[in-house]
Amino acid sequence: MQVDDDEVKNVDDLRSELEDLKSLVNTLLTIIMEEADGVQSGAAPALSEQPRRGYCM
């Protein structure tokens, strides 16, 4: 079986793109997990009239 230079280049391009996407996903997950609701930083308004359970922002 003979491997073409174009096929090798395509595989290398796909590997590079995969690494970039992995990095992006890790960054996004980190951002989401740090402050999912914004309450920790005070960015989200306090909902004092709402029940403590059973709602989602």
Protein backbone atom coordinates (compact mmCIF):
# COMPACT_ATOMS: atom_id res chain seq x y z
CA MET A 1 0.00 0.00 0.00
CA GLN A 2 1.44 3.33 -1.06
CA VAL A 3 0.69 6.51 0.88
CA ASP A 4 0.36 9.71 -1.10
CA ASP A 5 1.98 12.98 0.08
CA ASP A 6 -1.43 14.66 -0.07
CA GLU A 7 -2.88 12.04 2.27
CA VAL A 8 -0.04 12.56 4.74
CA LYS A 9 -0.57 16.32 4.59
CA ASN A 10 -4.32 15.85 5.17
CA VAL A 11 -3.68 13.65 8.20
CA ASP A 12 -1.22 16.19 9.62
CA ASP A 13 -3.71 19.00 9.04
CA LEU A 14 -6.44 17.02 10.78
CA ARG A 15 -4.17 16.28 13.75
CA SER A 16 -3.33 19.95 14.07
CA GLU A 17 -6.99 20.92 13.89
CA LEU A 18 -7.86 18.26 16.47
CA GLU A 19 -5.29 19.66 18.90
CA ASP A 20 -6.67 23.17 18.41
CA LEU A 21 -10.21 21.94 19.05
CA LYS A 22 -9.13 20.06 22.17
CA SER A 23 -7.56 23.22 23.51
CA LEU A 24 -10.69 25.23 22.75
CA VAL A 25 -12.95 22.68 24.45
CA ASN A 26 -10.74 22.62 27.54
CA THR A 27 -10.80 26.41 27.71
CA LEU A 28 -14.57 26.56 27.35
CA LEU A 29 -15.11 23.86 29.97
CA THR A 30 -12.83 25.69 32.37
CA ILE A 31 -14.80 28.90 31.89
CA ILE A 32 -18.13 27.11 32.35
CA MET A 33 -17.01 25.28 35.49
CA GLU A 34 -15.42 28.30 37.17
CA GLU A 35 -18.61 30.31 37.55
CA ALA A 36 -21.57 28.49 36.10
CA ASP A 37 -24.14 30.87 37.57
CA GLY A 38 -22.09 34.01 38.13
CA VAL A 39 -23.00 34.18 41.82
CA GLN A 40 -19.43 33.72 43.07
CA SER A 41 -18.24 36.97 41.51
CA GLY A 42 -21.39 38.91 42.30
CA ALA A 43 -22.17 39.36 38.59
CA ALA A 44 -25.60 37.74 38.89
CA PRO A 45 -28.35 39.56 40.74
CA ALA A 46 -29.58 37.97 43.97
CA LEU A 47 -33.09 36.58 43.66
CA SER A 48 -34.30 36.93 47.24
CA GLU A 49 -37.99 36.45 46.40
CA GLN A 50 -37.39 33.15 44.59
CA PRO A 51 -37.36 29.75 46.31
CA ARG A 52 -33.91 28.38 47.07
CA ARG A 53 -34.53 25.19 45.06
CA GLY A 54 -36.29 24.27 41.86
CA TYR A 55 -35.20 27.07 39.56
CA CYS A 56 -32.41 27.56 37.10
CA MET A 57 -30.87 30.73 35.74
